[in-house]
Amino acid sequence: MNQLLIAFIVGTLLACGNVNSQSADSEIGKEIYKTYCVACHGANGKLKLNDSADLTLSEMTLEERIENITVGASMMPAFGEVISEEQIKAVAVYLDKLKEAK
C-alpha cells in the first residue's frame, strides 16, 4: 500500500513538473518568437510575409518544428547557430499556443 501511494505521489509530482516546464518554455519561447519570428510570421502566426507559413495551421510535431527552426526551410533561415537548443525548443513549444488561439 505504501509503495502504491509513493508511486502515485511521485507520478503526480513528475506530471506537474512537466506542465510547469512546458509553461516556462512557452513564456521563454514567446519572447524569442517576438525577437526572431514576428517579422515574417506576425504576432498571431498568420502574417505569411515572404511566403512564410500560417503557423496556426501547422500540423508539424514538436520534433519537426525543432528541426525546422534549427536548420531552416525554404526562405526561413536556420537558427541553430543563432539561438541555443533550449531556446529553439521553447519557441517550438510556444507555437502550440498560436494554434490554440486560432
PDB file of N, CA and C in Angstrom:
ATOM      1  N   MET A   1       0.821  -1.191   0.000  1.00  0.00           N
ATOM      2  CA  MET A   1       0.000   0.000   0.000  1.00  0.00           C
ATOM      3  C   MET A   1       0.865   1.255   0.000  1.00  0.00           C
ATOM      4  N   ASN A   2       1.924   1.281   0.834  1.00  0.00           N
ATOM      5  CA  ASN A   2       2.807   2.437   0.893  1.00  0.00           C
ATOM      6  C   ASN A   2       3.527   2.652  -0.433  1.00  0.00           C
ATOM      7  N   GLN A   3       3.922   1.548  -1.088  1.00  0.00           N
ATOM      8  CA  GLN A   3       4.604   1.673  -2.376  1.00  0.00           C
ATOM      9  C   GLN A   3       3.674   2.264  -3.431  1.00  0.00           C
ATOM     10  N   LEU A   4       2.420   1.881  -3.397  1.00  0.00           N
ATOM     11  CA  LEU A   4       1.432   2.412  -4.334  1.00  0.00           C
ATOM     12  C   LEU A   4       1.232   3.905  -4.095  1.00  0.00           C
ATOM     13  N   LEU A   5       1.136   4.304  -2.850  1.00  0.00           N
ATOM     14  CA  LEU A   5       0.969   5.710  -2.512  1.00  0.00           C
ATOM     15  C   LEU A   5       2.188   6.512  -2.938  1.00  0.00           C
ATOM     16  N   ILE A   6       3.359   6.006  -2.691  1.00  0.00           N
ATOM     17  CA  ILE A   6       4.598   6.684  -3.104  1.00  0.00           C
ATOM     18  C   ILE A   6       4.654   6.809  -4.617  1.00  0.00           C
ATOM     19  N   ALA A   7       4.315   5.749  -5.322  1.00  0.00           N
ATOM     20  CA  ALA A   7       4.320   5.782  -6.784  1.00  0.00           C
ATOM     21  C   ALA A   7       3.334   6.837  -7.305  1.00  0.00           C
ATOM     22  N   PHE A   8       2.170   6.904  -6.684  1.00  0.00           N
ATOM     23  CA  PHE A   8       1.169   7.899  -7.087  1.00  0.00           C
ATOM     24  C   PHE A   8       1.683   9.320  -6.867  1.00  0.00           C
ATOM     25  N   ILE A   9       2.272   9.569  -5.709  1.00  0.00           N
ATOM     26  CA  ILE A   9       2.781  10.909  -5.385  1.00  0.00           C
ATOM     27  C   ILE A   9       3.912  11.292  -6.328  1.00  0.00           C
ATOM     28  N   VAL A  10       4.842  10.390  -6.561  1.00  0.00           N
ATOM     29  CA  VAL A  10       5.955  10.673  -7.474  1.00  0.00           C
ATOM     30  C   VAL A  10       5.435  10.946  -8.884  1.00  0.00           C
ATOM     31  N   GLY A  11       4.505  10.136  -9.351  1.00  0.00           N
ATOM     32  CA  GLY A  11       3.922  10.339 -10.676  1.00  0.00           C
ATOM     33  C   GLY A  11       3.232  11.684 -10.797  1.00  0.00           C
ATOM     34  N   THR A  12       2.500  12.059  -9.770  1.00  0.00           N
ATOM     35  CA  THR A  12       1.812  13.346  -9.763  1.00  0.00           C
ATOM     36  C   THR A  12       2.808  14.494  -9.792  1.00  0.00           C
ATOM     37  N   LEU A  13       3.848  14.410  -8.995  1.00  0.00           N
ATOM     38  CA  LEU A  13       4.868  15.462  -8.979  1.00  0.00           C
ATOM     39  C   LEU A  13       5.590  15.567 -10.312  1.00  0.00           C
ATOM     40  N   LEU A  14       5.900  14.452 -10.921  1.00  0.00           N
ATOM     41  CA  LEU A  14       6.557  14.468 -12.225  1.00  0.00           C
ATOM     42  C   LEU A  14       5.653  15.096 -13.276  1.00  0.00           C
ATOM     43  N   ALA A  15       4.396  14.756 -13.237  1.00  0.00           N
ATOM     44  CA  ALA A  15       3.454  15.319 -14.201  1.00  0.00           C
ATOM     45  C   ALA A  15       3.334  16.832 -14.012  1.00  0.00           C
ATOM     46  N   CYS A  16       3.266  17.269 -12.790  1.00  0.00           N
ATOM     47  CA  CYS A  16       3.189  18.711 -12.526  1.00  0.00           C
ATOM     48  C   CYS A  16       4.462  19.420 -12.952  1.00  0.00           C
ATOM     49  N   GLY A  17       5.588  18.797 -12.720  1.00  0.00           N
ATOM     50  CA  GLY A  17       6.858  19.380 -13.149  1.00  0.00           C
ATOM     51  C   GLY A  17       6.910  19.546 -14.640  1.00  0.00           C
ATOM     52  N   ASN A  18       6.377  18.596 -15.392  1.00  0.00           N
ATOM     53  CA  ASN A  18       6.361  18.681 -16.847  1.00  0.00           C
ATOM     54  C   ASN A  18       5.483  19.833 -17.314  1.00  0.00           C
ATOM     55  N   VAL A  19       4.343  20.021 -16.694  1.00  0.00           N
ATOM     56  CA  VAL A  19       3.448  21.110 -17.069  1.00  0.00           C
ATOM     57  C   VAL A  19       4.121  22.444 -16.810  1.00  0.00           C
ATOM     58  N   ASN A  20       4.728  22.592 -15.632  1.00  0.00           N
ATOM     59  CA  ASN A  20       5.410  23.838 -15.312  1.00  0.00           C
ATOM     60  C   ASN A  20       6.567  24.084 -16.259  1.00  0.00           C
ATOM     61  N   SER A  21       7.278  23.039 -16.613  1.00  0.00           N
ATOM     62  CA  SER A  21       8.397  23.154 -17.537  1.00  0.00           C
ATOM     63  C   SER A  21       7.911  23.625 -18.896  1.00  0.00           C
ATOM     64  N   GLN A  22       6.825  23.049 -19.386  1.00  0.00           N
ATOM     65  CA  GLN A  22       6.298  23.461 -20.688  1.00  0.00           C
ATOM     66  C   GLN A  22       5.763  24.878 -20.617  1.00  0.00           C
ATOM     67  N   SER A  23       5.174  25.259 -19.513  1.00  0.00           N
ATOM     68  CA  SER A  23       4.664  26.615 -19.353  1.00  0.00           C
ATOM     69  C   SER A  23       5.825  27.607 -19.367  1.00  0.00           C
ATOM     70  N   ALA A  24       6.897  27.290 -18.664  1.00  0.00           N
ATOM     71  CA  ALA A  24       8.081  28.154 -18.657  1.00  0.00           C
ATOM     72  C   ALA A  24       8.686  28.223 -20.050  1.00  0.00           C
ATOM     73  N   ASP A  25       8.782  27.071 -20.735  1.00  0.00           N
ATOM     74  CA  ASP A  25       9.280  27.050 -22.106  1.00  0.00           C
ATOM     75  C   ASP A  25       8.436  27.947 -22.994  1.00  0.00           C
ATOM     76  N   SER A  26       7.136  27.899 -22.807  1.00  0.00           N
ATOM     77  CA  SER A  26       6.234  28.681 -23.631  1.00  0.00           C
ATOM     78  C   SER A  26       6.462  30.176 -23.432  1.00  0.00           C
ATOM     79  N   GLU A  27       6.667  30.612 -22.205  1.00  0.00           N
ATOM     80  CA  GLU A  27       6.909  32.041 -21.934  1.00  0.00           C
ATOM     81  C   GLU A  27       8.244  32.491 -22.527  1.00  0.00           C
ATOM     82  N   ILE A  28       9.277  31.693 -22.352  1.00  0.00           N
ATOM     83  CA  ILE A  28      10.580  31.999 -22.945  1.00  0.00           C
ATOM     84  C   ILE A  28      10.441  31.976 -24.462  1.00  0.00           C
ATOM     85  N   GLY A  29       9.741  30.981 -24.968  1.00  0.00           N
ATOM     86  CA  GLY A  29       9.527  30.851 -26.403  1.00  0.00           C
ATOM     87  C   GLY A  29       8.807  32.048 -26.983  1.00  0.00           C
ATOM     88  N   LYS A  30       7.855  32.587 -26.247  1.00  0.00           N
ATOM     89  CA  LYS A  30       7.103  33.759 -26.706  1.00  0.00           C
ATOM     90  C   LYS A  30       8.046  34.945 -26.897  1.00  0.00           C
ATOM     91  N   GLU A  31       8.950  35.157 -25.958  1.00  0.00           N
ATOM     92  CA  GLU A  31       9.896  36.270 -26.063  1.00  0.00           C
ATOM     93  C   GLU A  31      10.856  36.071 -27.239  1.00  0.00           C
ATOM     94  N   ILE A  32      11.331  34.866 -27.420  1.00  0.00           N
ATOM     95  CA  ILE A  32      12.234  34.574 -28.539  1.00  0.00           C
ATOM     96  C   ILE A  32      11.472  34.714 -29.856  1.00  0.00           C
ATOM     97  N   TYR A  33      10.236  34.249 -29.897  1.00  0.00           N
ATOM     98  CA  TYR A  33       9.394  34.385 -31.084  1.00  0.00           C
ATOM     99  C   TYR A  33       9.250  35.861 -31.450  1.00  0.00           C
ATOM    100  N   LYS A  34       8.984  36.712 -30.460  1.00  0.00           N
ATOM    101  CA  LYS A  34       8.844  38.148 -30.708  1.00  0.00           C
ATOM    102  C   LYS A  34      10.127  38.729 -31.315  1.00  0.00           C
ATOM    103  N   THR A  35      11.260  38.218 -30.880  1.00  0.00           N
ATOM    104  CA  THR A  35      12.539  38.737 -31.351  1.00  0.00           C
ATOM    105  C   THR A  35      12.876  38.282 -32.769  1.00  0.00           C
ATOM    106  N   TYR A  36      12.679  37.001 -33.060  1.00  0.00           N
ATOM    107  CA  TYR A  36      13.182  36.435 -34.309  1.00  0.00           C
ATOM    108  C   TYR A  36      12.113  36.068 -35.348  1.00  0.00           C
ATOM    109  N   CYS A  37      10.886  35.885 -34.946  1.00  0.00           N
ATOM    110  CA  CYS A  37       9.899  35.275 -35.848  1.00  0.00           C
ATOM    111  C   CYS A  37       8.765  36.203 -36.276  1.00  0.00           C
ATOM    112  N   VAL A  38       8.460  37.179 -35.446  1.00  0.00           N
ATOM    113  CA  VAL A  38       7.294  38.019 -35.665  1.00  0.00           C
ATOM    114  C   VAL A  38       7.359  38.788 -36.988  1.00  0.00           C
ATOM    115  N   ALA A  39       8.528  39.159 -37.446  1.00  0.00           N
ATOM    116  CA  ALA A  39       8.652  39.956 -38.667  1.00  0.00           C
ATOM    117  C   ALA A  39       8.024  39.253 -39.874  1.00  0.00           C
ATOM    118  N   CYS A  40       8.169  37.951 -39.975  1.00  0.00           N
ATOM    119  CA  CYS A  40       7.602  37.203 -41.109  1.00  0.00           C
ATOM    120  C   CYS A  40       6.304  36.497 -40.763  1.00  0.00           C
ATOM    121  N   HIS A  41       6.200  35.970 -39.543  1.00  0.00           N
ATOM    122  CA  HIS A  41       5.025  35.176 -39.172  1.00  0.00           C
ATOM    123  C   HIS A  41       3.941  36.000 -38.479  1.00  0.00           C
ATOM    124  N   GLY A  42       4.286  37.191 -37.995  1.00  0.00           N
ATOM    125  CA  GLY A  42       3.321  38.036 -37.303  1.00  0.00           C
ATOM    126  C   GLY A  42       3.097  37.610 -35.867  1.00  0.00           C
ATOM    127  N   ALA A  43       2.530  38.501 -35.086  1.00  0.00           N
ATOM    128  CA  ALA A  43       2.313  38.234 -33.661  1.00  0.00           C
ATOM    129  C   ALA A  43       1.391  37.044 -33.431  1.00  0.00           C
ATOM    130  N   ASN A  44       0.443  36.846 -34.340  1.00  0.00           N
ATOM    131  CA  ASN A  44      -0.508  35.744 -34.178  1.00  0.00           C
ATOM    132  C   ASN A  44      -0.163  34.528 -35.043  1.00  0.00           C
ATOM    133  N   GLY A  45       0.962  34.577 -35.772  1.00  0.00           N
ATOM    134  CA  GLY A  45       1.402  33.444 -36.591  1.00  0.00           C
ATOM    135  C   GLY A  45       0.782  33.388 -37.972  1.00  0.00           C
ATOM    136  N   LYS A  46      -0.026  34.387 -38.328  1.00  0.00           N
ATOM    137  CA  LYS A  46      -0.788  34.340 -39.576  1.00  0.00           C
ATOM    138  C   LYS A  46      -0.304  35.325 -40.647  1.00  0.00           C
ATOM    139  N   LEU A  47       0.751  36.073 -40.417  1.00  0.00           N
ATOM    140  CA  LEU A  47       1.161  37.145 -41.325  1.00  0.00           C
ATOM    141  C   LEU A  47       1.540  36.639 -42.721  1.00  0.00           C
ATOM    142  N   LYS A  48       2.298  35.554 -42.786  1.00  0.00           N
ATOM    143  CA  LYS A  48       2.701  34.912 -44.047  1.00  0.00           C
ATOM    144  C   LYS A  48       3.540  35.823 -44.948  1.00  0.00           C
ATOM    145  N   LEU A  49       4.337  36.713 -44.355  1.00  0.00           N
ATOM    146  CA  LEU A  49       5.228  37.570 -45.117  1.00  0.00           C
ATOM    147  C   LEU A  49       6.370  36.737 -45.698  1.00  0.00           C
ATOM    148  N   ASN A  50       6.846  37.099 -46.858  1.00  0.00           N
ATOM    149  CA  ASN A  50       7.937  36.370 -47.531  1.00  0.00           C
ATOM    150  C   ASN A  50       7.585  34.904 -47.744  1.00  0.00           C
ATOM    151  N   ASP A  51       6.326  34.644 -48.004  1.00  0.00           N
ATOM    152  CA  ASP A  51       5.851  33.286 -48.275  1.00  0.00           C
ATOM    153  C   ASP A  51       6.008  32.351 -47.070  1.00  0.00           C
ATOM    154  N   SER A  52       6.005  32.939 -45.860  1.00  0.00           N
ATOM    155  CA  SER A  52       6.103  32.101 -44.651  1.00  0.00           C
ATOM    156  C   SER A  52       4.762  31.433 -44.375  1.00  0.00           C
ATOM    157  N   ALA A  53       4.820  30.367 -43.619  1.00  0.00           N
ATOM    158  CA  ALA A  53       3.628  29.566 -43.321  1.00  0.00           C
ATOM    159  C   ALA A  53       2.733  30.240 -42.286  1.00  0.00           C
ATOM    160  N   ASP A  54       1.445  29.951 -42.374  1.00  0.00           N
ATOM    161  CA  ASP A  54       0.498  30.313 -41.317  1.00  0.00           C
ATOM    162  C   ASP A  54       0.702  29.284 -40.208  1.00  0.00           C
ATOM    163  N   LEU A  55       1.313  29.713 -39.127  1.00  0.00           N
ATOM    164  CA  LEU A  55       1.686  28.785 -38.054  1.00  0.00           C
ATOM    165  C   LEU A  55       0.483  28.230 -37.303  1.00  0.00           C
ATOM    166  N   THR A  56      -0.667  28.883 -37.402  1.00  0.00           N
ATOM    167  CA  THR A  56      -1.850  28.379 -36.713  1.00  0.00           C
ATOM    168  C   THR A  56      -2.415  27.148 -37.404  1.00  0.00           C
ATOM    169  N   LEU A  57      -1.985  26.907 -38.627  1.00  0.00           N
ATOM    170  CA  LEU A  57      -2.474  25.754 -39.385  1.00  0.00           C
ATOM    171  C   LEU A  57      -1.471  24.604 -39.431  1.00  0.00           C
ATOM    172  N   SER A  58      -0.318  24.799 -38.833  1.00  0.00           N
ATOM    173  CA  SER A  58       0.746  23.790 -38.883  1.00  0.00           C
ATOM    174  C   SER A  58       0.323  22.490 -38.218  1.00  0.00           C
ATOM    175  N   GLU A  59       0.671  21.395 -38.859  1.00  0.00           N
ATOM    176  CA  GLU A  59       0.417  20.067 -38.297  1.00  0.00           C
ATOM    177  C   GLU A  59       1.722  19.365 -37.934  1.00  0.00           C
ATOM    178  N   MET A  60       2.821  20.119 -37.891  1.00  0.00           N
ATOM    179  CA  MET A  60       4.121  19.544 -37.540  1.00  0.00           C
ATOM    180  C   MET A  60       4.128  19.086 -36.085  1.00  0.00           C
ATOM    181  N   THR A  61       4.877  18.032 -35.836  1.00  0.00           N
ATOM    182  CA  THR A  61       5.100  17.584 -34.464  1.00  0.00           C
ATOM    183  C   THR A  61       6.109  18.522 -33.811  1.00  0.00           C
ATOM    184  N   LEU A  62       6.260  18.410 -32.508  1.00  0.00           N
ATOM    185  CA  LEU A  62       7.252  19.209 -31.794  1.00  0.00           C
ATOM    186  C   LEU A  62       8.642  18.960 -32.377  1.00  0.00           C
ATOM    187  N   GLU A  63       8.977  17.715 -32.630  1.00  0.00           N
ATOM    188  CA  GLU A  63      10.292  17.372 -33.168  1.00  0.00           C
ATOM    189  C   GLU A  63      10.495  17.971 -34.551  1.00  0.00           C
ATOM    190  N   GLU A  64       9.467  17.957 -35.381  1.00  0.00           N
ATOM    191  CA  GLU A  64       9.571  18.548 -36.723  1.00  0.00           C
ATOM    192  C   GLU A  64       9.752  20.063 -36.637  1.00  0.00           C
ATOM    193  N   ARG A  65       9.057  20.700 -35.712  1.00  0.00           N
ATOM    194  CA  ARG A  65       9.220  22.153 -35.543  1.00  0.00           C
ATOM    195  C   ARG A  65      10.627  22.483 -35.074  1.00  0.00           C
ATOM    196  N   ILE A  66      11.144  21.702 -34.143  1.00  0.00           N
ATOM    197  CA  ILE A  66      12.510  21.921 -33.660  1.00  0.00           C
ATOM    198  C   ILE A  66      13.502  21.803 -34.814  1.00  0.00           C
ATOM    199  N   GLU A  67      13.346  20.782 -35.624  1.00  0.00           N
ATOM    200  CA  GLU A  67      14.229  20.577 -36.779  1.00  0.00           C
ATOM    201  C   GLU A  67      14.115  21.741 -37.758  1.00  0.00           C
ATOM    202  N   ASN A  68      12.911  22.168 -38.041  1.00  0.00           N
ATOM    203  CA  ASN A  68      12.664  23.258 -38.986  1.00  0.00           C
ATOM    204  C   ASN A  68      13.299  24.560 -38.501  1.00  0.00           C
ATOM    205  N   ILE A  69      13.150  24.864 -37.235  1.00  0.00           N
ATOM    206  CA  ILE A  69      13.733  26.082 -36.663  1.00  0.00           C
ATOM    207  C   ILE A  69      15.261  25.977 -36.673  1.00  0.00           C
ATOM    208  N   THR A  70      15.777  24.810 -36.385  1.00  0.00           N
ATOM    209  CA  THR A  70      17.223  24.608 -36.310  1.00  0.00           C
ATOM    210  C   THR A  70      17.901  24.751 -37.671  1.00  0.00           C
ATOM    211  N   VAL A  71      17.382  24.066 -38.685  1.00  0.00           N
ATOM    212  CA  VAL A  71      18.062  24.026 -39.988  1.00  0.00           C
ATOM    213  C   VAL A  71      17.437  24.954 -41.030  1.00  0.00           C
ATOM    214  N   GLY A  72      16.277  25.522 -40.727  1.00  0.00           N
ATOM    215  CA  GLY A  72      15.614  26.407 -41.673  1.00  0.00           C
ATOM    216  C   GLY A  72      14.820  25.628 -42.703  1.00  0.00           C
ATOM    217  N   ALA A  73      14.095  26.385 -43.543  1.00  0.00           N
ATOM    218  CA  ALA A  73      13.287  25.764 -44.588  1.00  0.00           C
ATOM    219  C   ALA A  73      12.916  26.826 -45.600  1.00  0.00           C
ATOM    220  N   SER A  74      13.035  26.487 -46.866  1.00  0.00           N
ATOM    221  CA  SER A  74      12.654  27.407 -47.931  1.00  0.00           C
ATOM    222  C   SER A  74      13.300  28.769 -47.674  1.00  0.00           C
ATOM    223  N   MET A  75      12.507  29.814 -47.468  1.00  0.00           N
ATOM    224  CA  MET A  75      13.030  31.167 -47.231  1.00  0.00           C
ATOM    225  C   MET A  75      13.411  31.403 -45.765  1.00  0.00           C
ATOM    226  N   MET A  76      12.992  30.508 -44.882  1.00  0.00           N
ATOM    227  CA  MET A  76      13.272  30.696 -43.459  1.00  0.00           C
ATOM    228  C   MET A  76      14.727  30.356 -43.156  1.00  0.00           C
ATOM    229  N   PRO A  77      15.435  31.270 -42.489  1.00  0.00           N
ATOM    230  CA  PRO A  77      16.826  30.979 -42.142  1.00  0.00           C
ATOM    231  C   PRO A  77      16.945  29.938 -41.033  1.00  0.00           C
ATOM    232  N   ALA A  78      18.093  29.321 -40.958  1.00  0.00           N
ATOM    233  CA  ALA A  78      18.392  28.380 -39.877  1.00  0.00           C
ATOM    234  C   ALA A  78      18.748  29.176 -38.626  1.00  0.00           C
ATOM    235  N   PHE A  79      18.231  28.738 -37.493  1.00  0.00           N
ATOM    236  CA  PHE A  79      18.519  29.419 -36.240  1.00  0.00           C
ATOM    237  C   PHE A  79      19.410  28.592 -35.312  1.00  0.00           C
ATOM    238  N   GLY A  80      19.878  27.435 -35.788  1.00  0.00           N
ATOM    239  CA  GLY A  80      20.719  26.568 -34.978  1.00  0.00           C
ATOM    240  C   GLY A  80      22.021  27.200 -34.535  1.00  0.00           C
ATOM    241  N   GLU A  81      22.517  28.159 -35.310  1.00  0.00           N
ATOM    242  CA  GLU A  81      23.757  28.860 -34.962  1.00  0.00           C
ATOM    243  C   GLU A  81      23.477  30.203 -34.278  1.00  0.00           C
ATOM    244  N   VAL A  82      22.206  30.563 -34.162  1.00  0.00           N
ATOM    245  CA  VAL A  82      21.835  31.873 -33.636  1.00  0.00           C
ATOM    246  C   VAL A  82      21.352  31.792 -32.195  1.00  0.00           C
ATOM    247  N   ILE A  83      20.514  30.802 -31.912  1.00  0.00           N
ATOM    248  CA  ILE A  83      19.972  30.623 -30.559  1.00  0.00           C
ATOM    249  C   ILE A  83      20.247  29.200 -30.090  1.00  0.00           C
ATOM    250  N   SER A  84      20.171  28.989 -28.795  1.00  0.00           N
ATOM    251  CA  SER A  84      20.507  27.694 -28.201  1.00  0.00           C
ATOM    252  C   SER A  84      19.441  26.641 -28.486  1.00  0.00           C
ATOM    253  N   GLU A  85      19.795  25.391 -28.272  1.00  0.00           N
ATOM    254  CA  GLU A  85      18.838  24.284 -28.429  1.00  0.00           C
ATOM    255  C   GLU A  85      17.646  24.464 -27.501  1.00  0.00           C
ATOM    256  N   GLU A  86      17.899  24.922 -26.276  1.00  0.00           N
ATOM    257  CA  GLU A  86      16.820  25.136 -25.313  1.00  0.00           C
ATOM    258  C   GLU A  86      15.876  26.239 -25.795  1.00  0.00           C
ATOM    259  N   GLN A  87      16.442  27.289 -26.380  1.00  0.00           N
ATOM    260  CA  GLN A  87      15.617  28.373 -26.900  1.00  0.00           C
ATOM    261  C   GLN A  87      14.798  27.909 -28.108  1.00  0.00           C
ATOM    262  N   ILE A  88      15.408  27.108 -28.954  1.00  0.00           N
ATOM    263  CA  ILE A  88      14.693  26.562 -30.111  1.00  0.00           C
ATOM    264  C   ILE A  88      13.516  25.722 -29.634  1.00  0.00           C
ATOM    265  N   LYS A  89      13.750  24.869 -28.644  1.00  0.00           N
ATOM    266  CA  LYS A  89      12.663  24.044 -28.109  1.00  0.00           C
ATOM    267  C   LYS A  89      11.570  24.916 -27.506  1.00  0.00           C
ATOM    268  N   ALA A  90      11.969  25.980 -26.818  1.00  0.00           N
ATOM    269  CA  ALA A  90      10.991  26.875 -26.205  1.00  0.00           C
ATOM    270  C   ALA A  90      10.106  27.530 -27.267  1.00  0.00           C
ATOM    271  N   VAL A  91      10.684  27.939 -28.382  1.00  0.00           N
ATOM    272  CA  VAL A  91       9.890  28.523 -29.472  1.00  0.00           C
ATOM    273  C   VAL A  91       8.950  27.467 -30.038  1.00  0.00           C
ATOM    274  N   ALA A  92       9.468  26.267 -30.248  1.00  0.00           N
ATOM    275  CA  ALA A  92       8.644  25.184 -30.798  1.00  0.00           C
ATOM    276  C   ALA A  92       7.459  24.875 -29.892  1.00  0.00           C
ATOM    277  N   VAL A  93       7.663  24.908 -28.593  1.00  0.00           N
ATOM    278  CA  VAL A  93       6.569  24.690 -27.630  1.00  0.00           C
ATOM    279  C   VAL A  93       5.578  25.854 -27.708  1.00  0.00           C
ATOM    280  N   TYR A  94       6.096  27.066 -27.790  1.00  0.00           N
ATOM    281  CA  TYR A  94       5.228  28.249 -27.859  1.00  0.00           C
ATOM    282  C   TYR A  94       4.308  28.211 -29.080  1.00  0.00           C
ATOM    283  N   LEU A  95       4.753  27.653 -30.178  1.00  0.00           N
ATOM    284  CA  LEU A  95       3.945  27.621 -31.396  1.00  0.00           C
ATOM    285  C   LEU A  95       2.615  26.902 -31.188  1.00  0.00           C
ATOM    286  N   ASP A  96       2.561  25.985 -30.239  1.00  0.00           N
ATOM    287  CA  ASP A  96       1.280  25.350 -29.900  1.00  0.00           C
ATOM    288  C   ASP A  96       0.267  26.375 -29.392  1.00  0.00           C
ATOM    289  N   LYS A  97       0.740  27.395 -28.684  1.00  0.00           N
ATOM    290  CA  LYS A  97      -0.144  28.444 -28.170  1.00  0.00           C
ATOM    291  C   LYS A  97      -0.794  29.211 -29.325  1.00  0.00           C
ATOM    292  N   LEU A  98      -0.051  29.400 -30.410  1.00  0.00           N
ATOM    293  CA  LEU A  98      -0.623  30.093 -31.568  1.00  0.00           C
ATOM    294  C   LEU A  98      -1.738  29.279 -32.196  1.00  0.00           C
ATOM    295  N   LYS A  99      -1.540  27.962 -32.227  1.00  0.00           N
ATOM    296  CA  LYS A  99      -2.581  27.089 -32.785  1.00  0.00           C
ATOM    297  C   LYS A  99      -3.832  27.102 -31.902  1.00  0.00           C
ATOM    298  N   GLU A 100      -3.639  27.168 -30.603  1.00  0.00           N
ATOM    299  CA  GLU A 100      -4.760  27.189 -29.673  1.00  0.00           C
ATOM    300  C   GLU A 100      -5.563  28.480 -29.773  1.00  0.00           C
ATOM    301  N   ALA A 101      -4.882  29.574 -30.140  1.00  0.00           N
ATOM    302  CA  ALA A 101      -5.529  30.890 -30.179  1.00  0.00           C
ATOM    303  C   ALA A 101      -6.231  31.166 -31.505  1.00  0.00           C
ATOM    304  N   LYS A 102      -6.173  30.220 -32.423  1.00  0.00           N
ATOM    305  CA  LYS A 102      -6.790  30.419 -33.748  1.00  0.00           C
ATOM    306  C   LYS A 102      -8.102  31.056 -33.572  1.00  0.00           C
TER     307      LYS A 102
END
